[in-house]
N, C-alpha and C. Protein backbone atom coordinates (compact mmCIF):
# COMPACT_ATOMS: atom_id res chain seq x y z
N MET A 1 8.28 -145.17 -89.74
CA MET A 1 7.02 -145.71 -90.28
C MET A 1 7.47 -147.00 -90.59
N GLU A 2 6.74 -148.18 -90.10
CA GLU A 2 7.45 -149.64 -90.53
C GLU A 2 6.40 -150.15 -92.15
N GLU A 3 4.81 -149.81 -91.68
CA GLU A 3 3.71 -150.56 -92.40
C GLU A 3 2.65 -149.70 -92.88
N ILE A 4 2.36 -149.17 -93.42
CA ILE A 4 0.41 -148.60 -93.74
C ILE A 4 -0.19 -149.64 -94.01
N ILE A 5 -1.26 -150.43 -93.11
CA ILE A 5 -2.20 -151.28 -92.54
C ILE A 5 -3.71 -150.33 -93.30
N ASN A 6 -4.06 -150.42 -94.37
CA ASN A 6 -5.58 -150.22 -95.38
C ASN A 6 -6.58 -150.84 -94.39
N THR A 7 -7.38 -150.29 -93.85
CA THR A 7 -8.34 -150.34 -93.38
C THR A 7 -9.96 -150.31 -93.96
N ARG A 8 -10.74 -151.05 -93.95
CA ARG A 8 -12.21 -151.04 -94.30
C ARG A 8 -13.26 -149.54 -93.56
N VAL A 9 -12.89 -149.17 -91.92
CA VAL A 9 -13.29 -148.71 -91.05
C VAL A 9 -12.97 -147.36 -91.02
N ARG A 10 -13.62 -146.80 -90.79
CA ARG A 10 -13.40 -145.08 -91.04
C ARG A 10 -13.05 -145.01 -90.04
N SER A 11 -13.56 -145.43 -88.62
CA SER A 11 -13.37 -144.64 -87.53
C SER A 11 -11.33 -145.38 -87.05
N GLU A 12 -11.00 -146.01 -88.00
CA GLU A 12 -9.83 -146.54 -87.06
C GLU A 12 -9.11 -146.29 -88.45
N ASN A 13 -9.18 -144.46 -88.54
CA ASN A 13 -8.12 -143.85 -89.61
C ASN A 13 -7.33 -143.09 -88.11
N GLY A 14 -5.74 -142.92 -89.16
CA GLY A 14 -4.89 -143.03 -88.12
C GLY A 14 -4.64 -143.55 -87.46
N LEU A 15 -4.52 -144.82 -86.54
CA LEU A 15 -4.74 -145.56 -85.50
C LEU A 15 -3.56 -146.24 -85.36
N ILE A 16 -2.93 -146.14 -84.80
CA ILE A 16 -1.75 -147.43 -84.97
C ILE A 16 -2.23 -148.47 -84.59
N SER A 17 -1.57 -149.61 -85.12
CA SER A 17 -1.83 -150.99 -84.70
C SER A 17 -1.12 -151.53 -84.32
N SER A 18 0.10 -150.83 -84.02
CA SER A 18 1.72 -151.73 -83.12
C SER A 18 2.53 -150.54 -83.43
N ALA A 19 3.47 -150.50 -82.54
CA ALA A 19 4.38 -150.38 -82.40
C ALA A 19 5.79 -151.05 -81.59
N ARG A 20 7.00 -150.82 -81.92
CA ARG A 20 8.02 -151.30 -81.69
C ARG A 20 9.61 -150.98 -81.37
N LEU A 21 10.51 -151.29 -80.31
CA LEU A 21 11.57 -150.34 -80.68
C LEU A 21 12.66 -150.92 -81.47
N GLU A 22 12.78 -150.64 -82.09
CA GLU A 22 14.36 -150.73 -82.48
C GLU A 22 15.75 -150.16 -82.99
N GLY A 23 16.14 -150.20 -81.73
CA GLY A 23 17.85 -149.38 -81.85
C GLY A 23 16.88 -147.96 -81.26
N ASP A 24 17.19 -146.98 -81.82
CA ASP A 24 17.01 -146.05 -81.11
C ASP A 24 15.81 -145.08 -81.43
N GLU A 25 14.95 -145.90 -82.98
CA GLU A 25 13.45 -145.82 -83.38
C GLU A 25 12.61 -146.77 -82.60
N VAL A 26 11.42 -146.06 -82.82
CA VAL A 26 10.26 -146.75 -82.18
C VAL A 26 9.27 -146.85 -83.95
N ARG A 27 9.93 -148.61 -84.07
CA ARG A 27 8.73 -148.48 -85.97
C ARG A 27 7.00 -148.77 -85.34
N PHE A 28 6.36 -147.98 -86.12
CA PHE A 28 5.00 -148.09 -86.42
C PHE A 28 4.29 -148.82 -87.51
N LYS A 29 3.09 -149.00 -87.19
CA LYS A 29 2.38 -149.71 -88.30
C LYS A 29 0.78 -149.34 -87.77
N VAL A 30 0.48 -148.07 -88.82
CA VAL A 30 -0.52 -147.27 -88.66
C VAL A 30 -1.69 -147.80 -90.00
N LEU A 31 -3.03 -147.70 -89.20
CA LEU A 31 -4.23 -148.07 -90.27
C LEU A 31 -4.50 -146.65 -90.89
N TYR A 32 -4.84 -147.19 -91.89
CA TYR A 32 -4.72 -145.91 -92.86
C TYR A 32 -6.39 -146.36 -94.03
N PHE A 33 -7.58 -145.03 -93.42
CA PHE A 33 -8.47 -144.86 -94.85
C PHE A 33 -8.47 -144.66 -95.76
N GLU A 34 -8.51 -144.92 -97.28
CA GLU A 34 -8.66 -144.39 -98.49
C GLU A 34 -9.70 -143.58 -98.44
N PRO A 35 -9.46 -142.37 -98.10
CA PRO A 35 -10.67 -140.87 -98.41
C PRO A 35 -11.26 -141.28 -99.81
N GLU A 36 -12.68 -141.34 -99.61
CA GLU A 36 -13.65 -140.70 -101.36
C GLU A 36 -12.97 -139.50 -101.87
N LEU A 37 -13.24 -138.51 -100.77
CA LEU A 37 -13.10 -137.21 -101.55
C LEU A 37 -11.67 -136.33 -100.90
N ALA A 38 -11.38 -134.69 -101.60
CA ALA A 38 -10.46 -134.57 -100.81
C ALA A 38 -11.17 -133.25 -99.79
N VAL A 39 -11.91 -133.83 -98.39
CA VAL A 39 -12.45 -133.47 -97.79
C VAL A 39 -11.82 -132.31 -96.96
N GLU A 40 -12.56 -131.16 -96.14
CA GLU A 40 -11.32 -130.29 -95.60
C GLU A 40 -10.38 -131.04 -94.39
N SER A 41 -10.62 -131.42 -93.93
CA SER A 41 -9.09 -132.44 -93.01
C SER A 41 -9.38 -133.90 -93.59
N GLY A 42 -8.40 -134.26 -92.11
CA GLY A 42 -8.41 -135.73 -92.41
C GLY A 42 -6.77 -136.56 -92.25
N TYR A 43 -6.73 -138.14 -92.54
CA TYR A 43 -5.63 -138.35 -92.36
C TYR A 43 -5.11 -138.60 -93.93
N GLU A 44 -4.17 -138.49 -94.23
CA GLU A 44 -3.58 -138.37 -95.69
C GLU A 44 -2.47 -139.51 -95.51
N LEU A 45 -2.32 -140.00 -96.22
CA LEU A 45 -1.20 -140.96 -96.89
C LEU A 45 -0.06 -140.79 -97.73
N PHE A 46 1.41 -140.47 -97.67
CA PHE A 46 2.33 -140.28 -98.40
C PHE A 46 3.37 -141.41 -98.90
N SER A 47 3.91 -142.35 -99.89
CA SER A 47 4.15 -143.12 -100.28
C SER A 47 5.51 -142.61 -101.03
N TYR A 48 6.88 -142.89 -100.89
CA TYR A 48 7.32 -142.42 -102.04
C TYR A 48 9.07 -143.69 -102.05
N GLU A 49 9.41 -144.28 -102.65
CA GLU A 49 11.03 -145.10 -103.50
C GLU A 49 11.50 -144.09 -103.66
N VAL A 50 12.95 -144.56 -102.39
CA VAL A 50 14.22 -143.62 -102.71
C VAL A 50 14.84 -143.99 -103.53
N GLY A 51 15.72 -143.55 -103.74
CA GLY A 51 16.44 -143.69 -104.91
C GLY A 51 17.63 -144.16 -105.10
N ASN A 52 17.79 -143.54 -103.54
CA ASN A 52 19.32 -143.30 -102.81
C ASN A 52 19.38 -143.89 -101.48
N ASP A 53 20.27 -144.26 -100.60
CA ASP A 53 21.08 -144.52 -99.91
C ASP A 53 20.79 -143.12 -98.76
N GLY A 54 20.51 -142.31 -97.47
CA GLY A 54 20.39 -141.24 -96.90
C GLY A 54 19.77 -141.10 -95.93
N ASN A 55 19.64 -140.09 -95.44
CA ASN A 55 18.54 -139.44 -94.41
C ASN A 55 17.97 -138.84 -95.05
N TYR A 56 16.16 -138.79 -94.92
CA TYR A 56 15.43 -138.17 -95.56
C TYR A 56 14.34 -137.63 -94.33
N LYS A 57 13.45 -136.77 -94.40
CA LYS A 57 12.47 -135.95 -93.86
C LYS A 57 11.53 -135.29 -94.18
N ALA A 58 10.15 -135.23 -93.86
CA ALA A 58 9.23 -135.07 -94.67
C ALA A 58 8.88 -132.88 -94.29
N VAL A 59 8.49 -132.06 -94.94
CA VAL A 59 7.78 -130.63 -94.26
C VAL A 59 6.55 -130.79 -94.42
N LEU A 60 6.21 -129.86 -93.96
CA LEU A 60 4.34 -129.40 -94.70
C LEU A 60 4.57 -127.90 -94.48
N LYS A 61 3.54 -127.87 -95.50
CA LYS A 61 3.13 -125.89 -95.62
C LYS A 61 1.91 -126.01 -96.27
N SER A 62 1.54 -125.21 -95.31
CA SER A 62 -0.47 -124.83 -95.50
C SER A 62 -0.15 -123.00 -96.80
N SER A 63 -1.45 -123.64 -97.36
CA SER A 63 -1.31 -122.07 -98.18
C SER A 63 -1.66 -120.80 -97.73
N ASN A 64 -1.99 -120.90 -96.69
CA ASN A 64 -1.55 -119.46 -95.36
C ASN A 64 -0.08 -119.11 -94.84
N GLN A 65 0.18 -120.04 -94.69
CA GLN A 65 1.95 -120.31 -94.35
C GLN A 65 3.01 -119.68 -95.12
N VAL A 66 4.40 -119.01 -94.36
CA VAL A 66 5.26 -118.50 -95.07
C VAL A 66 6.26 -119.46 -94.42
N GLU A 67 6.75 -120.28 -93.27
CA GLU A 67 7.37 -121.70 -93.00
C GLU A 67 7.03 -122.34 -93.04
N THR A 68 7.56 -123.72 -93.14
CA THR A 68 7.24 -124.90 -93.50
C THR A 68 7.53 -125.36 -91.89
N ASP A 69 6.62 -126.86 -91.37
CA ASP A 69 6.00 -127.09 -90.58
C ASP A 69 6.84 -128.80 -90.55
N VAL A 70 7.67 -128.64 -89.68
CA VAL A 70 8.64 -130.31 -89.89
C VAL A 70 7.47 -131.69 -89.46
N LEU A 71 7.32 -132.43 -90.37
CA LEU A 71 6.39 -133.78 -90.18
C LEU A 71 7.15 -134.69 -89.76
N THR A 72 8.47 -135.02 -89.79
CA THR A 72 8.72 -136.21 -88.94
C THR A 72 10.37 -135.62 -89.19
N LEU A 73 10.65 -136.44 -88.28
CA LEU A 73 12.40 -136.27 -87.90
C LEU A 73 13.14 -137.26 -89.13
N PRO A 74 14.80 -136.83 -89.50
CA PRO A 74 15.75 -137.41 -90.57
C PRO A 74 15.19 -139.06 -89.94
N ILE A 75 14.90 -139.86 -91.57
CA ILE A 75 15.33 -141.15 -90.79
C ILE A 75 15.62 -141.61 -92.08
N SER A 76 16.93 -142.49 -91.95
CA SER A 76 17.85 -143.03 -92.84
C SER A 76 17.04 -144.20 -93.54
N LEU A 77 17.18 -144.27 -94.75
CA LEU A 77 16.86 -144.95 -95.77
C LEU A 77 17.65 -145.68 -96.53
N LYS A 78 17.80 -146.97 -97.85
CA LYS A 78 18.65 -147.49 -98.58
C LYS A 78 18.03 -147.34 -99.86
N ASP A 79 19.15 -147.34 -100.93
CA ASP A 79 18.24 -147.30 -102.10
C ASP A 79 16.93 -148.66 -102.34
N GLY A 80 15.95 -147.66 -102.70
CA GLY A 80 15.03 -148.74 -103.51
C GLY A 80 13.50 -148.39 -101.92
N GLU A 81 13.94 -148.31 -100.37
CA GLU A 81 13.15 -148.09 -99.61
C GLU A 81 12.30 -146.84 -99.52
N LYS A 82 11.17 -147.32 -98.79
CA LYS A 82 10.11 -146.75 -99.12
C LYS A 82 9.96 -145.51 -97.65
N PHE A 83 9.64 -144.00 -98.04
CA PHE A 83 9.73 -143.42 -96.75
C PHE A 83 7.55 -143.33 -97.18
N GLN A 84 7.35 -143.72 -95.99
CA GLN A 84 6.28 -143.67 -95.80
C GLN A 84 5.98 -142.83 -94.94
N THR A 85 4.54 -141.86 -94.56
CA THR A 85 3.78 -141.77 -93.16
C THR A 85 2.45 -141.06 -93.58
N VAL A 86 1.70 -141.09 -92.20
CA VAL A 86 0.21 -141.19 -92.40
C VAL A 86 0.03 -139.49 -91.59
N PHE A 87 -0.27 -139.00 -92.27
CA PHE A 87 -0.22 -137.41 -91.16
C PHE A 87 -2.01 -136.62 -91.36
N TYR A 88 -2.21 -135.93 -90.11
CA TYR A 88 -3.73 -135.23 -90.09
C TYR A 88 -3.08 -134.09 -90.91
N ARG A 89 -4.04 -134.02 -92.23
CA ARG A 89 -4.15 -132.55 -92.45
C ARG A 89 -5.42 -131.42 -92.63
N LYS A 90 -5.82 -130.84 -92.28
CA LYS A 90 -6.33 -129.18 -92.00
C LYS A 90 -6.78 -128.06 -93.53
N GLY A 91 -7.71 -128.09 -94.39
CA GLY A 91 -7.30 -127.34 -95.07
C GLY A 91 -6.23 -127.84 -96.53
N SER A 92 -5.78 -127.06 -97.25
CA SER A 92 -4.94 -127.35 -97.83
C SER A 92 -3.75 -127.10 -98.11
N VAL A 93 -2.76 -128.61 -98.33
CA VAL A 93 -1.07 -128.27 -97.86
C VAL A 93 -0.02 -128.83 -98.39
N LYS A 94 0.71 -128.43 -98.78
CA LYS A 94 1.93 -129.03 -99.62
C LYS A 94 3.15 -130.25 -98.74
N LEU A 95 3.03 -131.67 -98.92
CA LEU A 95 4.05 -132.65 -98.50
C LEU A 95 5.66 -132.05 -99.21
N THR A 96 6.21 -132.25 -98.93
CA THR A 96 7.68 -132.21 -99.51
C THR A 96 8.60 -133.12 -98.74
N LEU A 97 9.37 -134.18 -99.69
CA LEU A 97 10.31 -134.57 -98.92
C LEU A 97 11.62 -134.53 -99.03
N LEU A 98 12.52 -133.88 -98.46
CA LEU A 98 14.10 -133.28 -98.52
C LEU A 98 15.08 -134.89 -98.17
N ASP A 99 15.86 -134.23 -98.93
CA ASP A 99 17.47 -135.68 -98.10
C ASP A 99 18.42 -134.74 -97.27
N ALA A 100 19.22 -135.11 -96.68
CA ALA A 100 19.92 -134.73 -95.86
C ALA A 100 20.54 -132.86 -95.75
N SER A 101 21.04 -132.56 -97.34
CA SER A 101 21.09 -131.32 -97.36
C SER A 101 19.66 -130.27 -97.64
N ASP A 102 18.86 -130.77 -97.82
CA ASP A 102 17.54 -129.84 -97.61
C ASP A 102 17.00 -129.86 -99.13
N SER A 103 17.47 -130.60 -100.19
CA SER A 103 17.20 -130.63 -101.42
C SER A 103 15.99 -131.36 -101.55
N LYS A 104 14.92 -130.91 -102.50
CA LYS A 104 13.51 -131.37 -102.80
C LYS A 104 13.49 -133.01 -103.54
N ILE A 105 13.31 -133.86 -102.86
CA ILE A 105 13.25 -135.05 -103.42
C ILE A 105 11.69 -134.81 -104.35
N LYS A 106 10.83 -134.71 -103.73
CA LYS A 106 9.23 -134.95 -103.97
C LYS A 106 8.06 -134.56 -103.47
N SER A 107 7.23 -133.78 -104.01
CA SER A 107 6.04 -133.19 -103.54
C SER A 107 5.48 -133.29 -103.45
N LYS A 108 4.20 -133.45 -102.45
CA LYS A 108 2.21 -133.81 -103.42
C LYS A 108 1.70 -132.33 -102.28
N SER A 109 0.85 -131.86 -103.70
CA SER A 109 -0.06 -130.92 -102.26
C SER A 109 -2.11 -132.21 -102.30
N TYR A 110 -2.09 -131.73 -101.63
CA TYR A 110 -3.30 -132.12 -100.82
C TYR A 110 -4.26 -131.18 -100.34
N GLU A 111 -5.89 -131.17 -101.32
CA GLU A 111 -5.93 -130.16 -101.77
C GLU A 111 -7.54 -130.26 -100.74
N SER A 112 -8.27 -129.19 -100.54
CA SER A 112 -9.35 -129.41 -99.64
C SER A 112 -10.20 -128.70 -100.48
N GLU A 113 -11.53 -129.91 -101.05
CA GLU A 113 -13.16 -129.47 -101.94
C GLU A 113 -13.56 -128.64 -100.83
N LEU A 114 -13.75 -127.56 -100.12
CA LEU A 114 -14.34 -126.78 -99.32
C LEU A 114 -13.90 -125.59 -99.42
């Protein structure tokens, strides 16, 4: 994900505003509408500045799952660059950012209020 663009129009939430091919990667700009409440489902934002050069990926696990789901393929980032993603959540989930050795770098829980 190249950039997350805040929008004030709820219906634009999660839409890709542009995409371009850079080498063997597709770089996206995605629109994101900040929700007022943690509703049952919707688009969520995760952004984290990495502290080391390396490959990073995100996995998701819902409260009723044993196994994690891969959210993103590994992406190469330099120290100080941001790992960013917008994803669709249904129910309560936990996103975990992993490095190349599958060690946890950061995690964030997204809770449903229903």
